[in-house]
Amino acid sequence: MLQARQTEPNGKTVSNDRFLAVLETPYNPPPYHSLKEINQAILDEIEHFFVSYNQMEGKQFKLVAWRGPYRCKQLLRRSIEDKGPLANGAPRSRARINKR
């Protein structure tokens, strides 16, 4: 998980964590099992993607830390318990998908 803070054009700063996953099937074994196995250059490229993407939207994106699976599970559980399974913009995302 890329733990990040994002500053909106209006100056408001919010948490904007990003979950990363690797496809795993019997035919496609995952190349990585841990963040420690990923080359720093690849992590830097991922960070640069989110910084650049947000910059194009007029936002500032700042990496706080890279977190492993334990922190991801913790954050997902807390989100579901606090706000339910449709927390953090999911209804908006589904509405966007249904329009296509």
Protein backbone atom coordinates (compact mmCIF):
# COMPACT_ATOMS: atom_id res chain seq x y z
CA MET A 1 0.00 0.00 0.00
CA LEU A 2 1.20 3.46 -0.85
CA GLN A 3 0.14 5.65 2.08
CA ALA A 4 -0.25 9.21 0.84
CA ARG A 5 -1.64 12.66 1.49
CA GLN A 6 -3.29 14.64 -1.27
CA THR A 7 -3.83 18.38 -1.29
CA GLU A 8 -6.81 19.50 -3.34
CA PRO A 9 -6.77 22.69 -5.45
CA ASN A 10 -8.81 24.38 -2.68
CA GLY A 11 -5.98 23.65 -0.17
CA LYS A 12 -7.76 20.87 1.71
CA THR A 13 -5.47 17.91 2.48
CA VAL A 14 -6.88 14.40 2.71
CA SER A 15 -5.58 10.86 3.02
CA ASN A 16 -5.35 9.16 -0.38
CA ASP A 17 -3.89 5.70 0.19
CA ARG A 18 -3.42 3.40 -2.80
CA PHE A 19 -3.60 -0.36 -2.66
CA LEU A 20 -1.36 -2.36 -4.98
CA ALA A 21 -1.96 -5.98 -5.88
CA VAL A 22 -0.37 -8.70 -7.97
CA LEU A 23 -2.34 -11.15 -10.08
CA GLU A 24 -1.99 -14.74 -8.86
CA THR A 25 -3.32 -17.72 -10.78
CA PRO A 26 -2.06 -21.27 -11.26
CA TYR A 27 -0.67 -20.12 -14.62
CA ASN A 28 0.64 -16.72 -13.47
CA PRO A 29 2.59 -17.04 -10.24
CA PRO A 30 3.18 -13.64 -8.64
CA PRO A 31 6.63 -12.20 -9.26
CA TYR A 32 6.56 -10.59 -5.79
CA HIS A 33 5.26 -11.63 -2.40
CA SER A 34 6.43 -8.61 -0.43
CA LEU A 35 7.37 -4.98 -0.95
CA LYS A 36 10.90 -5.90 0.08
CA GLU A 37 11.22 -7.94 -3.13
CA ILE A 38 10.35 -5.02 -5.42
CA ASN A 39 13.21 -3.00 -6.85
CA GLN A 40 13.30 0.58 -5.53
CA ALA A 41 13.25 1.91 -9.09
CA ILE A 42 9.84 0.27 -9.65
CA LEU A 43 8.48 1.74 -6.40
CA ASP A 44 9.79 5.15 -7.50
CA GLU A 45 8.00 4.78 -10.86
CA ILE A 46 4.72 3.93 -9.12
CA GLU A 47 5.08 6.95 -6.85
CA HIS A 48 5.92 9.17 -9.85
CA PHE A 49 2.79 7.97 -11.66
CA PHE A 50 0.51 9.05 -8.80
CA VAL A 51 2.35 12.35 -8.30
CA SER A 52 2.11 13.17 -12.03
CA TYR A 53 -1.50 12.02 -12.37
CA ASN A 54 -2.62 14.20 -9.47
CA GLN A 55 -0.53 17.13 -10.67
CA MET A 56 -2.42 17.07 -13.98
CA GLU A 57 -5.64 17.36 -11.92
CA GLY A 58 -4.25 20.39 -10.04
CA LYS A 59 -3.59 18.37 -6.89
CA GLN A 60 -0.47 17.67 -4.87
CA PHE A 61 0.23 14.02 -4.00
CA LYS A 62 2.83 13.19 -1.34
CA LEU A 63 4.06 9.74 -0.36
CA VAL A 64 3.92 9.19 3.40
CA ALA A 65 5.14 5.57 3.49
CA TRP A 66 5.03 2.18 1.82
CA ARG A 67 2.99 -0.27 3.92
CA GLY A 68 2.68 -4.04 3.77
CA PRO A 69 -0.30 -6.42 3.84
CA TYR A 70 -0.93 -6.18 7.59
CA ARG A 71 -1.58 -2.43 7.38
CA CYS A 72 -3.73 -2.90 4.26
CA LYS A 73 -5.98 -5.42 5.99
CA GLN A 74 -6.21 -3.17 9.02
CA LEU A 75 -7.26 -0.18 6.92
CA LEU A 76 -9.82 -2.18 4.92
CA ARG A 77 -11.40 -3.61 8.05
CA ARG A 78 -11.63 -0.18 9.67
CA SER A 79 -13.16 1.32 6.54
CA ILE A 80 -15.81 -1.40 6.32
CA GLU A 81 -16.62 -1.19 10.03
CA ASP A 82 -16.80 2.63 10.02
CA LYS A 83 -18.65 3.27 6.79
CA GLY A 84 -19.81 -0.03 5.37
CA PRO A 85 -18.72 -1.83 2.20
CA LEU A 86 -19.53 1.12 -0.07
CA ALA A 87 -17.25 3.58 1.73
CA ASN A 88 -14.70 5.89 0.16
CA GLY A 89 -16.42 6.80 -3.09
CA ALA A 90 -17.59 3.37 -4.24
CA PRO A 91 -21.17 4.51 -5.04
CA ARG A 92 -19.79 7.33 -7.19
CA SER A 93 -17.46 4.89 -8.95
CA ARG A 94 -20.28 2.45 -9.65
CA ALA A 95 -22.46 5.25 -10.98
CA ARG A 96 -19.65 6.22 -13.34
CA ILE A 97 -19.35 2.61 -14.55
CA ASN A 98 -23.13 2.30 -15.10
CA LYS A 99 -23.12 5.34 -17.41
CA ARG A 100 -20.84 3.63 -19.92
